[in-house]
Amino acid sequence: MKRVLASFAVLTSLAGAALADTYGAIAYSPSTSAIGWSYAHANRGDAETVARRNCDSSANDCRIAIWFRNGCGAVAVGHRSGWGSGWGYDGREAQRQAIRSCRKQTGSCHVIRWQCSGSE
């Protein structure tokens, strides 16, 4: 019985490590279209700080367009300065949501960046 409980404890701790939350974010400057992103952070605050810092190196009005946990985010822009962001469990869904959000403001949109929280 002790051996079974010890095995269960090890498996539970390994599963918890494998399921650790990862965060990412994308920052965007509407005036310059500068963009910054981050991934593989342990918390939302760090992910947003890094994304904004990366964007701020090229613009002074960067804002967090989207943050995401255990998923992906995307930013899409339109031809008439409209933009939108979206989230999804995979890159394809995040891009689809970003384009849908952008099209609410302007006609034609395209994705300028997508990123997943756990990988480059």
PDB file of N, CA and C in Angstrom:
ATOM      1  N   MET A   1       0.822  -1.191   0.000  1.00  0.00           N
ATOM      2  CA  MET A   1       0.000   0.000   0.000  1.00  0.00           C
ATOM      3  C   MET A   1       0.871   1.261   0.000  1.00  0.00           C
ATOM      4  N   LYS A   2       1.945   1.243   0.816  1.00  0.00           N
ATOM      5  CA  LYS A   2       2.830   2.411   0.866  1.00  0.00           C
ATOM      6  C   LYS A   2       3.478   2.660  -0.496  1.00  0.00           C
ATOM      7  N   ARG A   3       3.836   1.576  -1.180  1.00  0.00           N
ATOM      8  CA  ARG A   3       4.460   1.705  -2.486  1.00  0.00           C
ATOM      9  C   ARG A   3       3.480   2.325  -3.495  1.00  0.00           C
ATOM     10  N   VAL A   4       2.231   1.950  -3.423  1.00  0.00           N
ATOM     11  CA  VAL A   4       1.211   2.503  -4.313  1.00  0.00           C
ATOM     12  C   VAL A   4       1.029   3.990  -4.044  1.00  0.00           C
ATOM     13  N   LEU A   5       0.958   4.368  -2.778  1.00  0.00           N
ATOM     14  CA  LEU A   5       0.801   5.787  -2.432  1.00  0.00           C
ATOM     15  C   LEU A   5       2.021   6.598  -2.857  1.00  0.00           C
ATOM     16  N   ALA A   6       3.205   6.050  -2.680  1.00  0.00           N
ATOM     17  CA  ALA A   6       4.417   6.756  -3.100  1.00  0.00           C
ATOM     18  C   ALA A   6       4.430   6.940  -4.609  1.00  0.00           C
ATOM     19  N   SER A   7       4.040   5.907  -5.342  1.00  0.00           N
ATOM     20  CA  SER A   7       3.977   6.021  -6.804  1.00  0.00           C
ATOM     21  C   SER A   7       2.956   7.058  -7.229  1.00  0.00           C
ATOM     22  N   PHE A   8       1.813   7.077  -6.568  1.00  0.00           N
ATOM     23  CA  PHE A   8       0.775   8.061  -6.878  1.00  0.00           C
ATOM     24  C   PHE A   8       1.287   9.479  -6.618  1.00  0.00           C
ATOM     25  N   ALA A   9       2.006   9.681  -5.515  1.00  0.00           N
ATOM     26  CA  ALA A   9       2.537  11.005  -5.188  1.00  0.00           C
ATOM     27  C   ALA A   9       3.527  11.469  -6.250  1.00  0.00           C
ATOM     28  N   VAL A  10       4.381  10.576  -6.711  1.00  0.00           N
ATOM     29  CA  VAL A  10       5.352  10.932  -7.747  1.00  0.00           C
ATOM     30  C   VAL A  10       4.639  11.280  -9.045  1.00  0.00           C
ATOM     31  N   LEU A  11       3.687  10.460  -9.444  1.00  0.00           N
ATOM     32  CA  LEU A  11       2.950  10.726 -10.682  1.00  0.00           C
ATOM     33  C   LEU A  11       2.161  12.021 -10.595  1.00  0.00           C
ATOM     34  N   THR A  12       1.564  12.291  -9.446  1.00  0.00           N
ATOM     35  CA  THR A  12       0.806  13.529  -9.265  1.00  0.00           C
ATOM     36  C   THR A  12       1.720  14.741  -9.367  1.00  0.00           C
ATOM     37  N   SER A  13       2.896  14.679  -8.753  1.00  0.00           N
ATOM     38  CA  SER A  13       3.802  15.826  -8.826  1.00  0.00           C
ATOM     39  C   SER A  13       4.338  16.012 -10.242  1.00  0.00           C
ATOM     40  N   LEU A  14       4.590  14.933 -10.967  1.00  0.00           N
ATOM     41  CA  LEU A  14       5.041  15.062 -12.354  1.00  0.00           C
ATOM     42  C   LEU A  14       3.943  15.641 -13.234  1.00  0.00           C
ATOM     43  N   ALA A  15       2.721  15.234 -13.026  1.00  0.00           N
ATOM     44  CA  ALA A  15       1.606  15.775 -13.812  1.00  0.00           C
ATOM     45  C   ALA A  15       1.440  17.256 -13.541  1.00  0.00           C
ATOM     46  N   GLY A  16       1.599  17.663 -12.288  1.00  0.00           N
ATOM     47  CA  GLY A  16       1.490  19.082 -11.951  1.00  0.00           C
ATOM     48  C   GLY A  16       2.571  19.897 -12.626  1.00  0.00           C
ATOM     49  N   ALA A  17       3.773  19.349 -12.681  1.00  0.00           N
ATOM     50  CA  ALA A  17       4.870  20.067 -13.337  1.00  0.00           C
ATOM     51  C   ALA A  17       4.611  20.187 -14.830  1.00  0.00           C
ATOM     52  N   ALA A  18       4.071  19.144 -15.422  1.00  0.00           N
ATOM     53  CA  ALA A  18       3.809  19.177 -16.860  1.00  0.00           C
ATOM     54  C   ALA A  18       2.683  20.138 -17.203  1.00  0.00           C
ATOM     55  N   LEU A  19       1.783  20.369 -16.259  1.00  0.00           N
ATOM     56  CA  LEU A  19       0.634  21.222 -16.516  1.00  0.00           C
ATOM     57  C   LEU A  19       0.826  22.642 -16.000  1.00  0.00           C
ATOM     58  N   ALA A  20       2.052  23.035 -15.701  1.00  0.00           N
ATOM     59  CA  ALA A  20       2.303  24.382 -15.193  1.00  0.00           C
ATOM     60  C   ALA A  20       1.821  25.421 -16.199  1.00  0.00           C
ATOM     61  N   ASP A  21       1.180  26.461 -15.677  1.00  0.00           N
ATOM     62  CA  ASP A  21       0.692  27.536 -16.542  1.00  0.00           C
ATOM     63  C   ASP A  21       1.854  28.285 -17.178  1.00  0.00           C
ATOM     64  N   THR A  22       1.713  28.620 -18.442  1.00  0.00           N
ATOM     65  CA  THR A  22       2.654  29.511 -19.111  1.00  0.00           C
ATOM     66  C   THR A  22       1.860  30.663 -19.707  1.00  0.00           C
ATOM     67  N   TYR A  23       2.450  31.837 -19.639  1.00  0.00           N
ATOM     68  CA  TYR A  23       1.787  33.057 -20.094  1.00  0.00           C
ATOM     69  C   TYR A  23       2.587  33.712 -21.209  1.00  0.00           C
ATOM     70  N   GLY A  24       1.881  34.404 -22.061  1.00  0.00           N
ATOM     71  CA  GLY A  24       2.481  35.209 -23.106  1.00  0.00           C
ATOM     72  C   GLY A  24       1.646  36.453 -23.312  1.00  0.00           C
ATOM     73  N   ALA A  25       2.175  37.395 -24.064  1.00  0.00           N
ATOM     74  CA  ALA A  25       1.451  38.637 -24.343  1.00  0.00           C
ATOM     75  C   ALA A  25       1.971  39.243 -25.638  1.00  0.00           C
ATOM     76  N   ILE A  26       1.129  40.074 -26.238  1.00  0.00           N
ATOM     77  CA  ILE A  26       1.518  40.837 -27.423  1.00  0.00           C
ATOM     78  C   ILE A  26       1.149  42.288 -27.165  1.00  0.00           C
ATOM     79  N   ALA A  27       2.121  43.181 -27.335  1.00  0.00           N
ATOM     80  CA  ALA A  27       1.891  44.625 -27.210  1.00  0.00           C
ATOM     81  C   ALA A  27       1.910  45.227 -28.610  1.00  0.00           C
ATOM     82  N   TYR A  28       1.129  46.304 -28.784  1.00  0.00           N
ATOM     83  CA  TYR A  28       0.972  46.894 -30.116  1.00  0.00           C
ATOM     84  C   TYR A  28       0.896  48.411 -30.016  1.00  0.00           C
ATOM     85  N   SER A  29       1.513  49.096 -30.965  1.00  0.00           N
ATOM     86  CA  SER A  29       1.442  50.553 -31.082  1.00  0.00           C
ATOM     87  C   SER A  29       0.560  50.904 -32.271  1.00  0.00           C
ATOM     88  N   PRO A  30      -0.624  51.467 -32.030  1.00  0.00           N
ATOM     89  CA  PRO A  30      -1.500  51.832 -33.147  1.00  0.00           C
ATOM     90  C   PRO A  30      -0.908  52.904 -34.066  1.00  0.00           C
ATOM     91  N   SER A  31      -0.044  53.771 -33.529  1.00  0.00           N
ATOM     92  CA  SER A  31       0.474  54.865 -34.354  1.00  0.00           C
ATOM     93  C   SER A  31       1.607  54.434 -35.282  1.00  0.00           C
ATOM     94  N   THR A  32       2.412  53.461 -34.847  1.00  0.00           N
ATOM     95  CA  THR A  32       3.575  53.054 -35.645  1.00  0.00           C
ATOM     96  C   THR A  32       3.502  51.605 -36.126  1.00  0.00           C
ATOM     97  N   SER A  33       2.550  50.851 -35.622  1.00  0.00           N
ATOM     98  CA  SER A  33       2.419  49.410 -35.883  1.00  0.00           C
ATOM     99  C   SER A  33       3.565  48.596 -35.299  1.00  0.00           C
ATOM    100  N   ALA A  34       4.335  49.206 -34.378  1.00  0.00           N
ATOM    101  CA  ALA A  34       5.377  48.443 -33.686  1.00  0.00           C
ATOM    102  C   ALA A  34       4.703  47.357 -32.853  1.00  0.00           C
ATOM    103  N   ILE A  35       5.418  46.286 -32.676  1.00  0.00           N
ATOM    104  CA  ILE A  35       4.852  45.158 -31.939  1.00  0.00           C
ATOM    105  C   ILE A  35       5.927  44.520 -31.079  1.00  0.00           C
ATOM    106  N   GLY A  36       5.539  44.023 -29.940  1.00  0.00           N
ATOM    107  CA  GLY A  36       6.439  43.289 -29.053  1.00  0.00           C
ATOM    108  C   GLY A  36       5.689  42.104 -28.490  1.00  0.00           C
ATOM    109  N   TRP A  37       6.384  41.035 -28.185  1.00  0.00           N
ATOM    110  CA  TRP A  37       5.694  39.853 -27.683  1.00  0.00           C
ATOM    111  C   TRP A  37       6.558  39.143 -26.660  1.00  0.00           C
ATOM    112  N   SER A  38       5.932  38.242 -25.951  1.00  0.00           N
ATOM    113  CA  SER A  38       6.632  37.420 -24.973  1.00  0.00           C
ATOM    114  C   SER A  38       5.946  36.060 -24.894  1.00  0.00           C
ATOM    115  N   TYR A  39       6.646  35.096 -24.332  1.00  0.00           N
ATOM    116  CA  TYR A  39       6.097  33.750 -24.165  1.00  0.00           C
ATOM    117  C   TYR A  39       6.865  33.039 -23.061  1.00  0.00           C
ATOM    118  N   ALA A  40       6.295  31.956 -22.562  1.00  0.00           N
ATOM    119  CA  ALA A  40       6.935  31.080 -21.574  1.00  0.00           C
ATOM    120  C   ALA A  40       7.222  31.778 -20.248  1.00  0.00           C
ATOM    121  N   HIS A  41       6.325  32.646 -19.819  1.00  0.00           N
ATOM    122  CA  HIS A  41       6.476  33.297 -18.516  1.00  0.00           C
ATOM    123  C   HIS A  41       5.598  32.606 -17.487  1.00  0.00           C
ATOM    124  N   ALA A  42       6.004  32.707 -16.226  1.00  0.00           N
ATOM    125  CA  ALA A  42       5.279  32.042 -15.142  1.00  0.00           C
ATOM    126  C   ALA A  42       4.039  32.806 -14.699  1.00  0.00           C
ATOM    127  N   ASN A  43       3.930  34.086 -15.087  1.00  0.00           N
ATOM    128  CA  ASN A  43       2.753  34.862 -14.686  1.00  0.00           C
ATOM    129  C   ASN A  43       2.441  35.939 -15.723  1.00  0.00           C
ATOM    130  N   ARG A  44       1.230  36.444 -15.631  1.00  0.00           N
ATOM    131  CA  ARG A  44       0.742  37.441 -16.588  1.00  0.00           C
ATOM    132  C   ARG A  44       1.557  38.734 -16.527  1.00  0.00           C
ATOM    133  N   GLY A  45       1.871  39.188 -15.329  1.00  0.00           N
ATOM    134  CA  GLY A  45       2.602  40.445 -15.176  1.00  0.00           C
ATOM    135  C   GLY A  45       3.938  40.442 -15.898  1.00  0.00           C
ATOM    136  N   ASP A  46       4.699  39.375 -15.722  1.00  0.00           N
ATOM    137  CA  ASP A  46       5.993  39.281 -16.402  1.00  0.00           C
ATOM    138  C   ASP A  46       5.821  39.234 -17.919  1.00  0.00           C
ATOM    139  N   ALA A  47       4.832  38.483 -18.377  1.00  0.00           N
ATOM    140  CA  ALA A  47       4.591  38.380 -19.822  1.00  0.00           C
ATOM    141  C   ALA A  47       4.254  39.745 -20.409  1.00  0.00           C
ATOM    142  N   GLU A  48       3.393  40.498 -19.730  1.00  0.00           N
ATOM    143  CA  GLU A  48       3.009  41.821 -20.231  1.00  0.00           C
ATOM    144  C   GLU A  48       4.176  42.802 -20.182  1.00  0.00           C
ATOM    145  N   THR A  49       4.958  42.763 -19.111  1.00  0.00           N
ATOM    146  CA  THR A  49       6.097  43.674 -18.980  1.00  0.00           C
ATOM    147  C   THR A  49       7.097  43.466 -20.113  1.00  0.00           C
ATOM    148  N   VAL A  50       7.427  42.228 -20.405  1.00  0.00           N
ATOM    149  CA  VAL A  50       8.403  41.938 -21.462  1.00  0.00           C
ATOM    150  C   VAL A  50       7.851  42.328 -22.830  1.00  0.00           C
ATOM    151  N   ALA A  51       6.593  42.011 -23.092  1.00  0.00           N
ATOM    152  CA  ALA A  51       6.002  42.371 -24.391  1.00  0.00           C
ATOM    153  C   ALA A  51       5.993  43.884 -24.579  1.00  0.00           C
ATOM    154  N   ARG A  52       5.586  44.623 -23.545  1.00  0.00           N
ATOM    155  CA  ARG A  52       5.538  46.088 -23.652  1.00  0.00           C
ATOM    156  C   ARG A  52       6.944  46.660 -23.822  1.00  0.00           C
ATOM    157  N   ARG A  53       7.906  46.130 -23.093  1.00  0.00           N
ATOM    158  CA  ARG A  53       9.286  46.609 -23.213  1.00  0.00           C
ATOM    159  C   ARG A  53       9.811  46.376 -24.631  1.00  0.00           C
ATOM    160  N   ASN A  54       9.531  45.217 -25.199  1.00  0.00           N
ATOM    161  CA  ASN A  54       9.977  44.924 -26.565  1.00  0.00           C
ATOM    162  C   ASN A  54       9.335  45.866 -27.576  1.00  0.00           C
ATOM    163  N   CYS A  55       8.081  46.203 -27.376  1.00  0.00           N
ATOM    164  CA  CYS A  55       7.389  47.132 -28.276  1.00  0.00           C
ATOM    165  C   CYS A  55       7.881  48.567 -28.065  1.00  0.00           C
ATOM    166  N   ASP A  56       8.077  48.934 -26.790  1.00  0.00           N
ATOM    167  CA  ASP A  56       8.490  50.305 -26.459  1.00  0.00           C
ATOM    168  C   ASP A  56       9.843  50.680 -27.049  1.00  0.00           C
ATOM    169  N   SER A  57      10.642  49.703 -27.448  1.00  0.00           N
ATOM    170  CA  SER A  57      11.933  50.028 -28.058  1.00  0.00           C
ATOM    171  C   SER A  57      11.748  50.668 -29.432  1.00  0.00           C
ATOM    172  N   SER A  58      10.528  50.582 -30.000  1.00  0.00           N
ATOM    173  CA  SER A  58      10.257  51.160 -31.321  1.00  0.00           C
ATOM    174  C   SER A  58       9.141  52.195 -31.333  1.00  0.00           C
ATOM    175  N   ALA A  59       8.457  52.383 -30.213  1.00  0.00           N
ATOM    176  CA  ALA A  59       7.315  53.313 -30.176  1.00  0.00           C
ATOM    177  C   ALA A  59       7.096  53.783 -28.743  1.00  0.00           C
ATOM    178  N   ASN A  60       6.308  54.848 -28.586  1.00  0.00           N
ATOM    179  CA  ASN A  60       6.049  55.341 -27.229  1.00  0.00           C
ATOM    180  C   ASN A  60       4.585  55.210 -26.807  1.00  0.00           C
ATOM    181  N   ASP A  61       3.776  54.542 -27.594  1.00  0.00           N
ATOM    182  CA  ASP A  61       2.363  54.385 -27.228  1.00  0.00           C
ATOM    183  C   ASP A  61       1.923  52.919 -27.239  1.00  0.00           C
ATOM    184  N   CYS A  62       2.836  52.030 -26.920  1.00  0.00           N
ATOM    185  CA  CYS A  62       2.505  50.606 -26.928  1.00  0.00           C
ATOM    186  C   CYS A  62       1.538  50.268 -25.801  1.00  0.00           C
ATOM    187  N   ARG A  63       0.632  49.372 -26.111  1.00  0.00           N
ATOM    188  CA  ARG A  63      -0.306  48.879 -25.106  1.00  0.00           C
ATOM    189  C   ARG A  63      -0.438  47.370 -25.285  1.00  0.00           C
ATOM    190  N   ILE A  64      -0.840  46.723 -24.236  1.00  0.00           N
ATOM    191  CA  ILE A  64      -1.047  45.282 -24.330  1.00  0.00           C
ATOM    192  C   ILE A  64      -2.301  45.032 -25.153  1.00  0.00           C
ATOM    193  N   ALA A  65      -2.121  44.379 -26.279  1.00  0.00           N
ATOM    194  CA  ALA A  65      -3.252  44.051 -27.148  1.00  0.00           C
ATOM    195  C   ALA A  65      -3.940  42.779 -26.674  1.00  0.00           C
ATOM    196  N   ILE A  66      -3.150  41.838 -26.173  1.00  0.00           N
ATOM    197  CA  ILE A  66      -3.714  40.569 -25.701  1.00  0.00           C
ATOM    198  C   ILE A  66      -2.699  39.857 -24.817  1.00  0.00           C
ATOM    199  N   TRP A  67      -3.187  39.196 -23.801  1.00  0.00           N
ATOM    200  CA  TRP A  67      -2.359  38.284 -23.011  1.00  0.00           C
ATOM    201  C   TRP A  67      -3.048  36.924 -23.053  1.00  0.00           C
ATOM    202  N   PHE A  68      -2.287  35.867 -22.830  1.00  0.00           N
ATOM    203  CA  PHE A  68      -2.844  34.529 -22.948  1.00  0.00           C
ATOM    204  C   PHE A  68      -2.128  33.568 -22.018  1.00  0.00           C
ATOM    205  N   ARG A  69      -2.883  32.596 -21.534  1.00  0.00           N
ATOM    206  CA  ARG A  69      -2.349  31.572 -20.638  1.00  0.00           C
ATOM    207  C   ARG A  69      -2.650  30.209 -21.244  1.00  0.00           C
ATOM    208  N   ASN A  70      -1.617  29.404 -21.387  1.00  0.00           N
ATOM    209  CA  ASN A  70      -1.779  28.051 -21.927  1.00  0.00           C
ATOM    210  C   ASN A  70      -2.530  28.059 -23.255  1.00  0.00           C
ATOM    211  N   GLY A  71      -2.203  29.011 -24.095  1.00  0.00           N
ATOM    212  CA  GLY A  71      -2.846  29.136 -25.394  1.00  0.00           C
ATOM    213  C   GLY A  71      -2.054  30.076 -26.276  1.00  0.00           C
ATOM    214  N   CYS A  72      -2.744  30.670 -27.231  1.00  0.00           N
ATOM    215  CA  CYS A  72      -2.093  31.540 -28.206  1.00  0.00           C
ATOM    216  C   CYS A  72      -2.858  32.848 -28.350  1.00  0.00           C
ATOM    217  N   GLY A  73      -2.157  33.884 -28.756  1.00  0.00           N
ATOM    218  CA  GLY A  73      -2.774  35.173 -29.029  1.00  0.00           C
ATOM    219  C   GLY A  73      -2.324  35.676 -30.390  1.00  0.00           C
ATOM    220  N   ALA A  74      -3.101  36.599 -30.949  1.00  0.00           N
ATOM    221  CA  ALA A  74      -2.765  37.162 -32.260  1.00  0.00           C
ATOM    222  C   ALA A  74      -3.265  38.592 -32.342  1.00  0.00           C
ATOM    223  N   VAL A  75      -2.602  39.381 -33.188  1.00  0.00           N
ATOM    224  CA  VAL A  75      -3.022  40.754 -33.478  1.00  0.00           C
ATOM    225  C   VAL A  75      -3.145  40.880 -34.990  1.00  0.00           C
ATOM    226  N   ALA A  76      -4.259  41.459 -35.423  1.00  0.00           N
ATOM    227  CA  ALA A  76      -4.504  41.707 -36.848  1.00  0.00           C
ATOM    228  C   ALA A  76      -4.743  43.195 -37.045  1.00  0.00           C
ATOM    229  N   VAL A  77      -4.303  43.727 -38.171  1.00  0.00           N
ATOM    230  CA  VAL A  77      -4.503  45.143 -38.486  1.00  0.00           C
ATOM    231  C   VAL A  77      -5.241  45.274 -39.807  1.00  0.00           C
ATOM    232  N   GLY A  78      -5.926  46.418 -39.935  1.00  0.00           N
ATOM    233  CA  GLY A  78      -6.648  46.715 -41.163  1.00  0.00           C
ATOM    234  C   GLY A  78      -5.968  47.831 -41.922  1.00  0.00           C
ATOM    235  N   HIS A  79      -6.474  48.127 -43.087  1.00  0.00           N
ATOM    236  CA  HIS A  79      -5.872  49.156 -43.933  1.00  0.00           C
ATOM    237  C   HIS A  79      -6.207  50.562 -43.469  1.00  0.00           C
ATOM    238  N   ARG A  80      -7.249  50.718 -42.690  1.00  0.00           N
ATOM    239  CA  ARG A  80      -7.646  52.050 -42.221  1.00  0.00           C
ATOM    240  C   ARG A  80      -7.440  52.213 -40.725  1.00  0.00           C
ATOM    241  N   SER A  81      -6.344  51.762 -40.228  1.00  0.00           N
ATOM    242  CA  SER A  81      -5.902  51.903 -38.841  1.00  0.00           C
ATOM    243  C   SER A  81      -6.716  51.121 -37.821  1.00  0.00           C
ATOM    244  N   GLY A  82      -7.664  50.329 -38.233  1.00  0.00           N
ATOM    245  CA  GLY A  82      -8.345  49.465 -37.283  1.00  0.00           C
ATOM    246  C   GLY A  82      -7.472  48.265 -36.945  1.00  0.00           C
ATOM    247  N   TRP A  83      -7.695  47.685 -35.795  1.00  0.00           N
ATOM    248  CA  TRP A  83      -6.950  46.498 -35.408  1.00  0.00           C
ATOM    249  C   TRP A  83      -7.784  45.679 -34.430  1.00  0.00           C
ATOM    250  N   GLY A  84      -7.390  44.462 -34.223  1.00  0.00           N
ATOM    251  CA  GLY A  84      -8.077  43.592 -33.283  1.00  0.00           C
ATOM    252  C   GLY A  84      -7.148  42.508 -32.791  1.00  0.00           C
ATOM    253  N   SER A  85      -7.543  41.876 -31.716  1.00  0.00           N
ATOM    254  CA  SER A  85      -6.747  40.791 -31.152  1.00  0.00           C
ATOM    255  C   SER A  85      -7.656  39.609 -30.866  1.00  0.00           C
ATOM    256  N   GLY A  86      -7.051  38.452 -30.728  1.00  0.00           N
ATOM    257  CA  GLY A  86      -7.821  37.250 -30.458  1.00  0.00           C
ATOM    258  C   GLY A  86      -7.005  36.214 -29.724  1.00  0.00           C
ATOM    259  N   TRP A  87      -7.712  35.298 -29.088  1.00  0.00           N
ATOM    260  CA  TRP A  87      -7.119  34.238 -28.292  1.00  0.00           C
ATOM    261  C   TRP A  87      -7.655  32.895 -28.766  1.00  0.00           C
ATOM    262  N   GLY A  88      -6.855  31.856 -28.623  1.00  0.00           N
ATOM    263  CA  GLY A  88      -7.310  30.512 -28.948  1.00  0.00           C
ATOM    264  C   GLY A  88      -6.380  29.478 -28.349  1.00  0.00           C
ATOM    265  N   TYR A  89      -6.830  28.233 -28.342  1.00  0.00           N
ATOM    266  CA  TYR A  89      -5.980  27.151 -27.833  1.00  0.00           C
ATOM    267  C   TYR A  89      -4.856  26.802 -28.803  1.00  0.00           C
ATOM    268  N   ASP A  90      -4.963  27.261 -30.043  1.00  0.00           N
ATOM    269  CA  ASP A  90      -3.880  27.062 -31.001  1.00  0.00           C
ATOM    270  C   ASP A  90      -3.739  28.324 -31.855  1.00  0.00           C
ATOM    271  N   GLY A  91      -2.653  28.396 -32.603  1.00  0.00           N
ATOM    272  CA  GLY A  91      -2.367  29.583 -33.402  1.00  0.00           C
ATOM    273  C   GLY A  91      -3.421  29.893 -34.443  1.00  0.00           C
ATOM    274  N   ARG A  92      -3.951  28.865 -35.057  1.00  0.00           N
ATOM    275  CA  ARG A  92      -4.968  29.068 -36.092  1.00  0.00           C
ATOM    276  C   ARG A  92      -6.225  29.738 -35.514  1.00  0.00           C
ATOM    277  N   GLU A  93      -6.682  29.271 -34.361  1.00  0.00           N
ATOM    278  CA  GLU A  93      -7.879  29.862 -33.747  1.00  0.00           C
ATOM    279  C   GLU A  93      -7.606  31.293 -33.283  1.00  0.00           C
ATOM    280  N   ALA A  94      -6.432  31.549 -32.720  1.00  0.00           N
ATOM    281  CA  ALA A  94      -6.087  32.907 -32.289  1.00  0.00           C
ATOM    282  C   ALA A  94      -6.100  33.869 -33.473  1.00  0.00           C
ATOM    283  N   GLN A  95      -5.539  33.448 -34.595  1.00  0.00           N
ATOM    284  CA  GLN A  95      -5.527  34.298 -35.791  1.00  0.00           C
ATOM    285  C   GLN A  95      -6.938  34.554 -36.314  1.00  0.00           C
ATOM    286  N   ARG A  96      -7.752  33.526 -36.302  1.00  0.00           N
ATOM    287  CA  ARG A  96      -9.139  33.663 -36.766  1.00  0.00           C
ATOM    288  C   ARG A  96      -9.906  34.668 -35.889  1.00  0.00           C
ATOM    289  N   GLN A  97      -9.706  34.584 -34.584  1.00  0.00           N
ATOM    290  CA  GLN A  97     -10.385  35.505 -33.670  1.00  0.00           C
ATOM    291  C   GLN A  97      -9.871  36.943 -33.838  1.00  0.00           C
ATOM    292  N   ALA A  98      -8.567  37.105 -34.060  1.00  0.00           N
ATOM    293  CA  ALA A  98      -8.005  38.445 -34.255  1.00  0.00           C
ATOM    294  C   ALA A  98      -8.561  39.092 -35.522  1.00  0.00           C
ATOM    295  N   ILE A  99      -8.644  38.342 -36.593  1.00  0.00           N
ATOM    296  CA  ILE A  99      -9.197  38.884 -37.844  1.00  0.00           C
ATOM    297  C   ILE A  99     -10.668  39.233 -37.662  1.00  0.00           C
ATOM    298  N   ARG A 100     -11.405  38.382 -36.977  1.00  0.00           N
ATOM    299  CA  ARG A 100     -12.825  38.666 -36.720  1.00  0.00           C
ATOM    300  C   ARG A 100     -12.977  39.961 -35.913  1.00  0.00           C
ATOM    301  N   SER A 101     -12.145  40.136 -34.899  1.00  0.00           N
ATOM    302  CA  SER A 101     -12.186  41.346 -34.076  1.00  0.00           C
ATOM    303  C   SER A 101     -11.821  42.584 -34.890  1.00  0.00           C
ATOM    304  N   CYS A 102     -10.800  42.480 -35.720  1.00  0.00           N
ATOM    305  CA  CYS A 102     -10.353  43.596 -36.556  1.00  0.00           C
ATOM    306  C   CYS A 102     -11.426  44.003 -37.559  1.00  0.00           C
ATOM    307  N   ARG A 103     -12.086  43.024 -38.151  1.00  0.00           N
ATOM    308  CA  ARG A 103     -13.099  43.318 -39.179  1.00  0.00           C
ATOM    309  C   ARG A 103     -14.306  44.072 -38.624  1.00  0.00           C
ATOM    310  N   LYS A 104     -14.477  44.060 -37.317  1.00  0.00           N
ATOM    311  CA  LYS A 104     -15.555  44.851 -36.718  1.00  0.00           C
ATOM    312  C   LYS A 104     -15.265  46.346 -36.827  1.00  0.00           C
ATOM    313  N   GLN A 105     -13.987  46.714 -37.016  1.00  0.00           N
ATOM    314  CA  GLN A 105     -13.580  48.114 -37.111  1.00  0.00           C
ATOM    315  C   GLN A 105     -13.291  48.554 -38.538  1.00  0.00           C
ATOM    316  N   THR A 106     -12.818  47.646 -39.347  1.00  0.00           N
ATOM    317  CA  THR A 106     -12.413  47.990 -40.707  1.00  0.00           C
ATOM    318  C   THR A 106     -12.599  46.770 -41.606  1.00  0.00           C
ATOM    319  N   GLY A 107     -12.583  46.975 -42.872  1.00  0.00           N
ATOM    320  CA  GLY A 107     -12.893  45.891 -43.806  1.00  0.00           C
ATOM    321  C   GLY A 107     -11.874  44.788 -43.890  1.00  0.00           C
ATOM    322  N   SER A 108     -10.771  45.046 -44.539  1.00  0.00           N
ATOM    323  CA  SER A 108      -9.776  44.030 -44.824  1.00  0.00           C
ATOM    324  C   SER A 108      -8.708  44.013 -43.734  1.00  0.00           C
ATOM    325  N   CYS A 109      -8.417  42.851 -43.190  1.00  0.00           N
ATOM    326  CA  CYS A 109      -7.445  42.731 -42.095  1.00  0.00           C
ATOM    327  C   CYS A 109      -6.473  41.585 -42.359  1.00  0.00           C
ATOM    328  N   HIS A 110      -5.294  41.706 -41.777  1.00  0.00           N
ATOM    329  CA  HIS A 110      -4.326  40.615 -41.839  1.00  0.00           C
ATOM    330  C   HIS A 110      -3.583  40.534 -40.510  1.00  0.00           C
ATOM    331  N   VAL A 111      -3.139  39.350 -40.165  1.00  0.00           N
ATOM    332  CA  VAL A 111      -2.430  39.111 -38.906  1.00  0.00           C
ATOM    333  C   VAL A 111      -0.999  39.613 -39.040  1.00  0.00           C
ATOM    334  N   ILE A 112      -0.564  40.397 -38.052  1.00  0.00           N
ATOM    335  CA  ILE A 112       0.825  40.861 -38.056  1.00  0.00           C
ATOM    336  C   ILE A 112       1.686  40.084 -37.064  1.00  0.00           C
ATOM    337  N   ARG A 113       1.055  39.429 -36.083  1.00  0.00           N
ATOM    338  CA  ARG A 113       1.819  38.593 -35.144  1.00  0.00           C
ATOM    339  C   ARG A 113       0.884  37.630 -34.437  1.00  0.00           C
ATOM    340  N   TRP A 114       1.339  36.415 -34.317  1.00  0.00           N
ATOM    341  CA  TRP A 114       0.677  35.471 -33.431  1.00  0.00           C
ATOM    342  C   TRP A 114       1.752  34.760 -32.635  1.00  0.00           C
ATOM    343  N   GLN A 115       1.381  34.315 -31.448  1.00  0.00           N
ATOM    344  CA  GLN A 115       2.351  33.715 -30.545  1.00  0.00           C
ATOM    345  C   GLN A 115       1.616  32.780 -29.597  1.00  0.00           C
ATOM    346  N   CYS A 116       2.226  31.678 -29.255  1.00  0.00           N
ATOM    347  CA  CYS A 116       1.671  30.782 -28.242  1.00  0.00           C
ATOM    348  C   CYS A 116       2.468  30.938 -26.949  1.00  0.00           C
ATOM    349  N   SER A 117       1.817  30.677 -25.835  1.00  0.00           N
ATOM    350  CA  SER A 117       2.420  30.963 -24.537  1.00  0.00           C
ATOM    351  C   SER A 117       3.623  30.094 -24.215  1.00  0.00           C
ATOM    352  N   GLY A 118       3.676  28.882 -24.741  1.00  0.00           N
ATOM    353  CA  GLY A 118       4.741  27.984 -24.336  1.00  0.00           C
ATOM    354  C   GLY A 118       5.908  27.857 -25.279  1.00  0.00           C
ATOM    355  N   SER A 119       5.846  28.459 -26.450  1.00  0.00           N
ATOM    356  CA  SER A 119       6.932  28.258 -27.411  1.00  0.00           C
ATOM    357  C   SER A 119       7.080  29.438 -28.350  1.00  0.00           C
ATOM    358  N   GLU A 120       8.265  29.500 -28.960  1.00  0.00           N
ATOM    359  CA  GLU A 120       8.571  30.592 -29.890  1.00  0.00           C
ATOM    360  C   GLU A 120       7.846  30.489 -31.175  1.00  0.00           C
TER     361      GLU A 120
END
